[in-house]
Amino acid sequence: MKGLFSSLFLCLGLVYAQQDSLKKLTELAAAGNGVIHLDSQSFDLLTSPKRTWSASIQFTALSKNRNCMPCKQFDPAFSTVGKAWSTVQASDRDQHFFATLDFDNAPNVFQKLSLASAPVVFAYPPADGPRKPASGRTAPTKYDFQDGFDASPLAQHLSKFTPVPIPYKDPIDWAKWFTTAIAIIGVGSLLRLVAPVVLTRWTWAFASVIVILIMTGGHMFTRIRGVPYVGRDGNWIAGGFSNQYGQEVHVVAFVYGLLAFTFVMLTLIVPYQSSPSKQRLQVYLWGAVLIIIYSVLVSLFRVKNRAYPYKLLL
């Protein structure tokens, strides 16, 4: 009977001690805005082998003399996730704790865990009670930072160890929305300005003529065969009618376009000149341009094929 009472008192003592530890951790978490700032003693309390709670612990080195830039970059994300966890109802919140341990506050803990770098995040599952893993594995799990220092993937990972998912939401990126709004307004204003030019039939007619000239010059031939823009020796005219360089497309298209423009001037513009002298002058001018440019075109045929028998001026 005496042994039974001793066991009973021992169990009651353990229960009260567990409740006292849980109460102390809850107060520390509330004081730290959801994150407990640990030292050696509170670390041992939080990671007690008899713990019925789980914990996410950040091991860091934030003091200026440590000059740990990754620690300073990651700490806001961890603090934000811890603050988000503090908003859940108490029955769930008090079953998982967020904590941070700075190297200067407990170097012996870093040595005991063989931690030679920071930051490091360990997730400790419950070691006792109803939330103890069915596998019986109570060793901490290390966060691998494969998604960087962002808070969202951290919250998603640590939610595997909390009784309910961490209610973290990414903050609104006002700069992104502002930039997007400015871009939309700018594009809208630009479209309003260029719409009269883009929608006019003369713009589409000009674009169509350019495409026709480029295609007539042999653009698809050079694209399909993948020929170089110029030859290795610097020549831009390939010998033979079955060969062509990329630069020939532009030259031939320009020659065809100039010839077509000459015919347009002679047939549509010159006849409507009111002054006979101006009309006569333009006939001579555009007739000379026609003969010279056509002579250039014929000379290109002779360069590509030396056996071509015809020539005009050149």
Foldseek 3Di string as FASTA:
>chain_A
DVVVVVVVVVVVVVVVVQVVLLVVQVVQCVVLLQEHEDAPVNVCSQQPLQFQAKEKEKEAAPDPVVVAPLRVVQVVLLSQLSNLLVPDDPVQSSRYGHYYYHCVRYVVVCVVVVPPDDTKMWIFAGNDDPRQDPVNDGDTDIDDCPVPRHNVVVQVVNLVRGPHRRPDDDDDPVVVVVVVVVVVVVVVVVCVVCVVVVVDPVNVVVVVLLVVLLVVQPVVVCVVVVAAQADPVRHQAAAAPSDHHNVSSVVSSVLVVLLVVLVCCLPPPLVPDPDPVVSVVSCVVSVVVNQVSVQVVVVSVCVNPVPPPDGRDD
